[in-house]
């Protein structure tokens, strides 16, 4: 999965938002329009080819407010549509200031 695939799904409205993602978005005041805009302008920062049930990517985008937003997306090998798994504002305790790099865990 790459950004071209994501953009084409957005343009064609060929995506599905999971119930979990809707709940999280509602809790954080993130609308579908905000999520779509963020996806259109975002960049893939992580790839999880072994995620279950489907391989996924994590996208970093920025809200109009300037706040970072992470969007986890997947795609079933059998379905040609995008699946929005979750949407959240990254935690400063877990991410470096670029919000692209996970902080190293102290042992």
C-alpha atoms as a PDB file:
ATOM      1  CA  UNK A   1       0.000   0.000   0.000  1.00  0.00           C
ATOM      2  CA  UNK A   2       1.293   3.439  -0.891  1.00  0.00           C
ATOM      3  CA  UNK A   3      -0.002   7.018  -0.810  1.00  0.00           C
ATOM      4  CA  UNK A   4      -1.138   6.802  -4.448  1.00  0.00           C
ATOM      5  CA  UNK A   5      -3.480   3.940  -3.504  1.00  0.00           C
ATOM      6  CA  UNK A   6      -4.763   5.892  -0.494  1.00  0.00           C
ATOM      7  CA  UNK A   7      -5.352   9.044  -2.579  1.00  0.00           C
ATOM      8  CA  UNK A   8      -7.206   7.063  -5.256  1.00  0.00           C
ATOM      9  CA  UNK A   9      -9.455   5.465  -2.616  1.00  0.00           C
ATOM     10  CA  UNK A  10     -10.187   8.868  -1.086  1.00  0.00           C
ATOM     11  CA  UNK A  11     -11.018  10.374  -4.464  1.00  0.00           C
ATOM     12  CA  UNK A  12     -13.349   7.478  -5.309  1.00  0.00           C
ATOM     13  CA  UNK A  13     -14.761   7.389  -1.756  1.00  0.00           C
ATOM     14  CA  UNK A  14     -13.677   3.761  -1.728  1.00  0.00           C
ATOM     15  CA  UNK A  15     -12.834   3.395   1.936  1.00  0.00           C
ATOM     16  CA  UNK A  16     -14.346   2.066   5.127  1.00  0.00           C
ATOM     17  CA  UNK A  17     -13.913   3.468   8.627  1.00  0.00           C
ATOM     18  CA  UNK A  18     -14.006   0.844  11.361  1.00  0.00           C
ATOM     19  CA  UNK A  19     -16.354   1.204  14.299  1.00  0.00           C
ATOM     20  CA  UNK A  20     -13.307   1.630  16.536  1.00  0.00           C
ATOM     21  CA  UNK A  21     -12.011   4.506  14.392  1.00  0.00           C
ATOM     22  CA  UNK A  22     -15.434   6.248  14.483  1.00  0.00           C
ATOM     23  CA  UNK A  23     -15.514   5.950  18.287  1.00  0.00           C
ATOM     24  CA  UNK A  24     -11.986   7.327  18.693  1.00  0.00           C
ATOM     25  CA  UNK A  25     -12.660  10.154  16.236  1.00  0.00           C
ATOM     26  CA  UNK A  26     -15.834  11.090  18.124  1.00  0.00           C
ATOM     27  CA  UNK A  27     -14.010  11.106  21.457  1.00  0.00           C
ATOM     28  CA  UNK A  28     -11.350  13.423  20.062  1.00  0.00           C
ATOM     29  CA  UNK A  29     -13.586  15.671  17.992  1.00  0.00           C
ATOM     30  CA  UNK A  30     -12.077  14.558  14.686  1.00  0.00           C
ATOM     31  CA  UNK A  31     -14.585  14.750  11.844  1.00  0.00           C
ATOM     32  CA  UNK A  32     -14.623  12.684   8.645  1.00  0.00           C
ATOM     33  CA  UNK A  33     -13.648  15.835   6.724  1.00  0.00           C
ATOM     34  CA  UNK A  34     -10.654  16.388   9.023  1.00  0.00           C
ATOM     35  CA  UNK A  35      -9.614  12.752   8.600  1.00  0.00           C
ATOM     36  CA  UNK A  36      -9.944  12.889   4.796  1.00  0.00           C
ATOM     37  CA  UNK A  37      -7.944  16.125   4.590  1.00  0.00           C
ATOM     38  CA  UNK A  38      -5.253  14.644   6.810  1.00  0.00           C
ATOM     39  CA  UNK A  39      -5.047  11.479   4.687  1.00  0.00           C
ATOM     40  CA  UNK A  40      -4.782  13.550   1.513  1.00  0.00           C
ATOM     41  CA  UNK A  41      -1.822  15.481   2.926  1.00  0.00           C
ATOM     42  CA  UNK A  42      -0.188  12.804   5.054  1.00  0.00           C
ATOM     43  CA  UNK A  43       2.858  10.592   4.688  1.00  0.00           C
ATOM     44  CA  UNK A  44       3.491   6.964   5.550  1.00  0.00           C
ATOM     45  CA  UNK A  45       5.816   6.729   8.550  1.00  0.00           C
ATOM     46  CA  UNK A  46       5.562   3.015   9.366  1.00  0.00           C
ATOM     47  CA  UNK A  47       4.709  -0.157   7.498  1.00  0.00           C
ATOM     48  CA  UNK A  48       3.443  -3.236   9.318  1.00  0.00           C
ATOM     49  CA  UNK A  49       3.372  -6.023   6.694  1.00  0.00           C
ATOM     50  CA  UNK A  50       2.663  -8.679   9.330  1.00  0.00           C
ATOM     51  CA  UNK A  51      -0.224  -6.904  11.093  1.00  0.00           C
ATOM     52  CA  UNK A  52      -3.325  -9.013  11.636  1.00  0.00           C
ATOM     53  CA  UNK A  53      -5.801  -9.372  10.120  1.00  0.00           C
ATOM     54  CA  UNK A  54      -4.268  -7.304   7.257  1.00  0.00           C
ATOM     55  CA  UNK A  55      -0.979  -5.516   6.582  1.00  0.00           C
ATOM     56  CA  UNK A  56      -1.161  -1.879   7.618  1.00  0.00           C
ATOM     57  CA  UNK A  57       0.539   1.497   7.409  1.00  0.00           C
ATOM     58  CA  UNK A  58       0.709   4.376   9.862  1.00  0.00           C
ATOM     59  CA  UNK A  59       0.284   7.823   8.383  1.00  0.00           C
ATOM     60  CA  UNK A  60       1.379  11.099   9.929  1.00  0.00           C
ATOM     61  CA  UNK A  61      -0.676  14.135   9.010  1.00  0.00           C
ATOM     62  CA  UNK A  62      -1.276  17.562  10.471  1.00  0.00           C
ATOM     63  CA  UNK A  63      -4.603  19.088  11.405  1.00  0.00           C
ATOM     64  CA  UNK A  64      -5.359  22.707  10.473  1.00  0.00           C
ATOM     65  CA  UNK A  65      -4.767  23.535  14.139  1.00  0.00           C
ATOM     66  CA  UNK A  66      -1.153  22.390  13.721  1.00  0.00           C
ATOM     67  CA  UNK A  67      -1.659  19.301  15.849  1.00  0.00           C
ATOM     68  CA  UNK A  68      -0.240  15.970  14.630  1.00  0.00           C
ATOM     69  CA  UNK A  69      -2.563  13.126  13.708  1.00  0.00           C
ATOM     70  CA  UNK A  70      -1.799   9.448  13.195  1.00  0.00           C
ATOM     71  CA  UNK A  71      -4.054   7.356  10.986  1.00  0.00           C
ATOM     72  CA  UNK A  72      -3.629   3.599  10.766  1.00  0.00           C
ATOM     73  CA  UNK A  73      -4.879   2.097   7.511  1.00  0.00           C
ATOM     74  CA  UNK A  74      -5.028  -1.415   6.130  1.00  0.00           C
ATOM     75  CA  UNK A  75      -6.117  -3.202   3.014  1.00  0.00           C
ATOM     76  CA  UNK A  76      -7.330  -6.732   2.610  1.00  0.00           C
ATOM     77  CA  UNK A  77      -5.564  -8.583  -0.203  1.00  0.00           C
ATOM     78  CA  UNK A  78      -9.008  -9.569  -1.494  1.00  0.00           C
ATOM     79  CA  UNK A  79     -10.611  -6.098  -1.320  1.00  0.00           C
ATOM     80  CA  UNK A  80      -9.514  -3.119  -3.374  1.00  0.00           C
ATOM     81  CA  UNK A  81     -10.612  -0.590  -0.757  1.00  0.00           C
ATOM     82  CA  UNK A  82      -8.935   1.296   2.054  1.00  0.00           C
ATOM     83  CA  UNK A  83      -9.780   0.472   5.669  1.00  0.00           C
ATOM     84  CA  UNK A  84      -9.267   3.160   8.334  1.00  0.00           C
ATOM     85  CA  UNK A  85      -8.396   1.195  11.475  1.00  0.00           C
ATOM     86  CA  UNK A  86      -7.840   4.025  13.951  1.00  0.00           C
ATOM     87  CA  UNK A  87      -7.185   7.748  14.170  1.00  0.00           C
ATOM     88  CA  UNK A  88      -5.429   9.396  17.098  1.00  0.00           C
ATOM     89  CA  UNK A  89      -3.275  12.275  18.230  1.00  0.00           C
ATOM     90  CA  UNK A  90       0.147  10.826  19.061  1.00  0.00           C
ATOM     91  CA  UNK A  91       1.296  10.896  22.674  1.00  0.00           C
ATOM     92  CA  UNK A  92       4.400  13.024  23.324  1.00  0.00           C
ATOM     93  CA  UNK A  93       5.604  10.394  25.801  1.00  0.00           C
ATOM     94  CA  UNK A  94       5.772   7.788  23.011  1.00  0.00           C
ATOM     95  CA  UNK A  95       6.914   9.859  20.019  1.00  0.00           C
ATOM     96  CA  UNK A  96       9.856  12.120  19.243  1.00  0.00           C
ATOM     97  CA  UNK A  97       9.051  15.751  18.418  1.00  0.00           C
ATOM     98  CA  UNK A  98       8.800  14.928  14.681  1.00  0.00           C
ATOM     99  CA  UNK A  99       5.946  12.465  15.481  1.00  0.00           C
ATOM    100  CA  UNK A 100       7.520  10.104  12.945  1.00  0.00           C
ATOM    101  CA  UNK A 101       9.926   8.362  15.290  1.00  0.00           C
ATOM    102  CA  UNK A 102       8.963   6.255  18.273  1.00  0.00           C
ATOM    103  CA  UNK A 103      10.960   7.002  21.406  1.00  0.00           C
ATOM    104  CA  UNK A 104      13.313   4.288  22.550  1.00  0.00           C
ATOM    105  CA  UNK A 105      12.016   2.474  25.613  1.00  0.00           C
ATOM    106  CA  UNK A 106      14.262   2.643  28.653  1.00  0.00           C
ATOM    107  CA  UNK A 107      15.323  -0.717  30.008  1.00  0.00           C
END
